[in-house]
């Protein structure tokens, strides 16, 4: 990444999580990828994750664990 991009990234990390998520969504949407292609890629990713879970390759994490981890990151 360029120095300018690193600065933008550093600044973005200071935003609350919901604003970072919205920023990420907007940046991703600005890429020249059709929504249809994005939908197909997400569908494939979801299927891959389901298959990996069913084969015992990945474990589940409770929502509480996820939110606790996010909250702890925001405090540091």
Protein backbone atom coordinates (compact mmCIF):
# COMPACT_ATOMS: atom_id res chain seq x y z
CA UNK A 1 0.00 0.00 0.00
CA UNK A 2 1.13 3.53 -0.61
CA UNK A 3 1.78 5.89 2.27
CA UNK A 4 -1.45 7.70 1.49
CA UNK A 5 -3.44 4.46 1.53
CA UNK A 6 -1.78 3.47 4.83
CA UNK A 7 -2.83 6.82 6.32
CA UNK A 8 -6.41 6.35 5.15
CA UNK A 9 -6.38 2.84 6.60
CA UNK A 10 -5.01 4.05 9.94
CA UNK A 11 -7.64 6.76 10.11
CA UNK A 12 -10.39 4.29 9.23
CA UNK A 13 -9.36 2.05 12.14
CA UNK A 14 -10.26 4.84 14.55
CA UNK A 15 -13.90 4.79 13.39
CA UNK A 16 -16.57 2.87 15.31
CA UNK A 17 -17.12 -0.62 13.95
CA UNK A 18 -20.42 0.19 12.23
CA UNK A 19 -18.82 3.11 10.36
CA UNK A 20 -15.85 0.93 9.36
CA UNK A 21 -18.25 -1.70 8.03
CA UNK A 22 -20.14 0.92 6.03
CA UNK A 23 -16.87 2.31 4.66
CA UNK A 24 -15.70 -1.17 3.68
CA UNK A 25 -19.01 -1.82 1.94
CA UNK A 26 -18.76 1.44 0.00
CA UNK A 27 -15.15 0.79 -0.99
CA UNK A 28 -15.98 -2.73 -2.11
CA UNK A 29 -18.95 -1.43 -4.09
CA UNK A 30 -16.68 1.04 -5.86
CA UNK A 31 -14.71 -1.79 -7.45
CA UNK A 32 -15.55 -2.62 -11.01
CA UNK A 33 -17.24 -5.95 -10.27
CA UNK A 34 -20.81 -6.67 -11.27
CA UNK A 35 -23.29 -7.37 -8.47
CA UNK A 36 -24.12 -10.66 -10.16
CA UNK A 37 -20.49 -11.74 -9.99
CA UNK A 38 -20.26 -10.67 -6.33
CA UNK A 39 -23.42 -12.62 -5.51
CA UNK A 40 -22.02 -15.73 -7.21
CA UNK A 41 -18.71 -15.41 -5.36
CA UNK A 42 -20.49 -15.03 -2.00
CA UNK A 43 -22.75 -18.00 -2.78
CA UNK A 44 -19.69 -20.13 -3.56
CA UNK A 45 -17.96 -18.96 -0.37
CA UNK A 46 -21.05 -19.80 1.69
CA UNK A 47 -21.28 -23.27 0.14
CA UNK A 48 -17.57 -23.86 0.73
CA UNK A 49 -17.93 -22.86 4.38
CA UNK A 50 -20.98 -25.07 4.89
CA UNK A 51 -19.16 -28.00 3.32
CA UNK A 52 -16.08 -27.39 5.47
CA UNK A 53 -18.26 -27.24 8.59
CA UNK A 54 -20.04 -30.46 7.68
CA UNK A 55 -16.67 -32.19 7.15
CA UNK A 56 -15.52 -30.97 10.57
CA UNK A 57 -12.86 -28.69 9.09
CA UNK A 58 -14.15 -25.56 10.85
CA UNK A 59 -15.84 -25.00 14.17
CA UNK A 60 -18.64 -22.69 15.12
CA UNK A 61 -18.27 -19.64 17.32
CA UNK A 62 -21.17 -18.17 19.28
CA UNK A 63 -22.34 -14.66 18.50
CA UNK A 64 -21.46 -13.71 22.08
CA UNK A 65 -17.83 -14.77 21.50
CA UNK A 66 -17.68 -12.76 18.28
CA UNK A 67 -19.09 -9.61 19.85
CA UNK A 68 -16.84 -9.94 22.90
CA UNK A 69 -13.80 -10.21 20.63
CA UNK A 70 -14.90 -7.15 18.61
CA UNK A 71 -15.53 -5.18 21.77
CA UNK A 72 -12.11 -6.07 23.19
CA UNK A 73 -10.45 -4.91 19.96
CA UNK A 74 -12.26 -1.57 20.10
CA UNK A 75 -10.93 -0.96 23.61
CA UNK A 76 -7.31 -1.53 22.60
